[in-house]
Amino acid sequence: MYQIQEALSFNPLWWFNAIVSRNS
């Protein structure tokens, strides 16, 4: 679980996609 959190933190595209999907 720690690795995933680090990956998401280092993956701006990940949360960016989530924001775009939510805004859509």
PDB file of N, CA and C in Angstrom:
ATOM      1  N   MET A   1       0.848  -1.197   0.000  1.00  0.00           N
ATOM      2  CA  MET A   1       0.000   0.000   0.000  1.00  0.00           C
ATOM      3  C   MET A   1       0.886   1.251   0.000  1.00  0.00           C
ATOM      4  N   TYR A   2       2.032   1.130   0.636  1.00  0.00           N
ATOM      5  CA  TYR A   2       2.940   2.280   0.697  1.00  0.00           C
ATOM      6  C   TYR A   2       3.498   2.602  -0.685  1.00  0.00           C
ATOM      7  N   GLN A   3       3.789   1.515  -1.424  1.00  0.00           N
ATOM      8  CA  GLN A   3       4.359   1.705  -2.765  1.00  0.00           C
ATOM      9  C   GLN A   3       3.347   2.412  -3.668  1.00  0.00           C
ATOM     10  N   ILE A   4       2.086   2.037  -3.533  1.00  0.00           N
ATOM     11  CA  ILE A   4       1.039   2.647  -4.379  1.00  0.00           C
ATOM     12  C   ILE A   4       0.949   4.145  -4.073  1.00  0.00           C
ATOM     13  N   GLN A   5       0.938   4.485  -2.799  1.00  0.00           N
ATOM     14  CA  GLN A   5       0.837   5.902  -2.410  1.00  0.00           C
ATOM     15  C   GLN A   5       1.997   6.693  -2.999  1.00  0.00           C
ATOM     16  N   GLU A   6       3.177   6.105  -2.959  1.00  0.00           N
ATOM     17  CA  GLU A   6       4.362   6.796  -3.488  1.00  0.00           C
ATOM     18  C   GLU A   6       4.248   6.939  -5.001  1.00  0.00           C
ATOM     19  N   ALA A   7       3.712   5.904  -5.632  1.00  0.00           N
ATOM     20  CA  ALA A   7       3.575   5.921  -7.094  1.00  0.00           C
ATOM     21  C   ALA A   7       2.575   7.001  -7.498  1.00  0.00           C
ATOM     22  N   LEU A   8       1.473   7.094  -6.773  1.00  0.00           N
ATOM     23  CA  LEU A   8       0.457   8.097  -7.121  1.00  0.00           C
ATOM     24  C   LEU A   8       1.026   9.498  -6.891  1.00  0.00           C
ATOM     25  N   SER A   9       1.802   9.636  -5.844  1.00  0.00           N
ATOM     26  CA  SER A   9       2.393  10.946  -5.535  1.00  0.00           C
ATOM     27  C   SER A   9       3.387  11.352  -6.621  1.00  0.00           C
ATOM     28  N   PHE A  10       4.010  10.343  -7.210  1.00  0.00           N
ATOM     29  CA  PHE A  10       5.012  10.617  -8.243  1.00  0.00           C
ATOM     30  C   PHE A  10       4.400  10.537  -9.638  1.00  0.00           C
ATOM     31  N   ASN A  11       3.067  10.380  -9.683  1.00  0.00           N
ATOM     32  CA  ASN A  11       2.377  10.269 -10.975  1.00  0.00           C
ATOM     33  C   ASN A  11       1.340  11.388 -11.114  1.00  0.00           C
ATOM     34  N   PRO A  12       1.772  12.561 -11.541  1.00  0.00           N
ATOM     35  CA  PRO A  12       0.851  13.701 -11.692  1.00  0.00           C
ATOM     36  C   PRO A  12      -0.274  13.373 -12.661  1.00  0.00           C
ATOM     37  N   LEU A  13       0.000  12.482 -13.609  1.00  0.00           N
ATOM     38  CA  LEU A  13      -1.038  12.121 -14.591  1.00  0.00           C
ATOM     39  C   LEU A  13      -2.161  11.345 -13.921  1.00  0.00           C
ATOM     40  N   TRP A  14      -1.816  10.636 -12.849  1.00  0.00           N
ATOM     41  CA  TRP A  14      -2.834   9.822 -12.171  1.00  0.00           C
ATOM     42  C   TRP A  14      -3.921  10.711 -11.561  1.00  0.00           C
ATOM     43  N   TRP A  15      -3.532  11.565 -10.639  1.00  0.00           N
ATOM     44  CA  TRP A  15      -4.537  12.436  -9.998  1.00  0.00           C
ATOM     45  C   TRP A  15      -5.110  13.415 -11.018  1.00  0.00           C
ATOM     46  N   PHE A  16      -4.319  13.774 -12.014  1.00  0.00           N
ATOM     47  CA  PHE A  16      -4.821  14.684 -13.062  1.00  0.00           C
ATOM     48  C   PHE A  16      -5.984  14.032 -13.787  1.00  0.00           C
ATOM     49  N   ASN A  17      -5.827  12.742 -14.100  1.00  0.00           N
ATOM     50  CA  ASN A  17      -6.897  12.007 -14.778  1.00  0.00           C
ATOM     51  C   ASN A  17      -8.128  11.937 -13.881  1.00  0.00           C
ATOM     52  N   ALA A  18      -7.918  11.762 -12.596  1.00  0.00           N
ATOM     53  CA  ALA A  18      -9.041  11.674 -11.654  1.00  0.00           C
ATOM     54  C   ALA A  18      -9.805  12.994 -11.631  1.00  0.00           C
ATOM     55  N   ILE A  19      -9.089  14.103 -11.642  1.00  0.00           N
ATOM     56  CA  ILE A  19      -9.736  15.424 -11.629  1.00  0.00           C
ATOM     57  C   ILE A  19     -10.524  15.636 -12.913  1.00  0.00           C
ATOM     58  N   VAL A  20      -9.919  15.285 -14.025  1.00  0.00           N
ATOM     59  CA  VAL A  20     -10.590  15.458 -15.327  1.00  0.00           C
ATOM     60  C   VAL A  20     -11.845  14.592 -15.390  1.00  0.00           C
ATOM     61  N   SER A  21     -11.728  13.380 -14.866  1.00  0.00           N
ATOM     62  CA  SER A  21     -12.875  12.457 -14.898  1.00  0.00           C
ATOM     63  C   SER A  21     -13.991  13.001 -14.000  1.00  0.00           C
ATOM     64  N   ARG A  22     -13.618  13.588 -12.889  1.00  0.00           N
ATOM     65  CA  ARG A  22     -14.614  14.130 -11.957  1.00  0.00           C
ATOM     66  C   ARG A  22     -15.247  15.391 -12.552  1.00  0.00           C
ATOM     67  N   ASN A  23     -14.438  16.185 -13.218  1.00  0.00           N
ATOM     68  CA  ASN A  23     -14.947  17.418 -13.817  1.00  0.00           C
ATOM     69  C   ASN A  23     -15.848  17.098 -14.998  1.00  0.00           C
ATOM     70  N   SER A  24     -15.568  15.959 -15.649  1.00  0.00           N
ATOM     71  CA  SER A  24     -16.350  15.581 -16.820  1.00  0.00           C
ATOM     72  C   SER A  24     -17.735  15.163 -16.347  1.00  0.00           C
TER      73      SER A  24
END
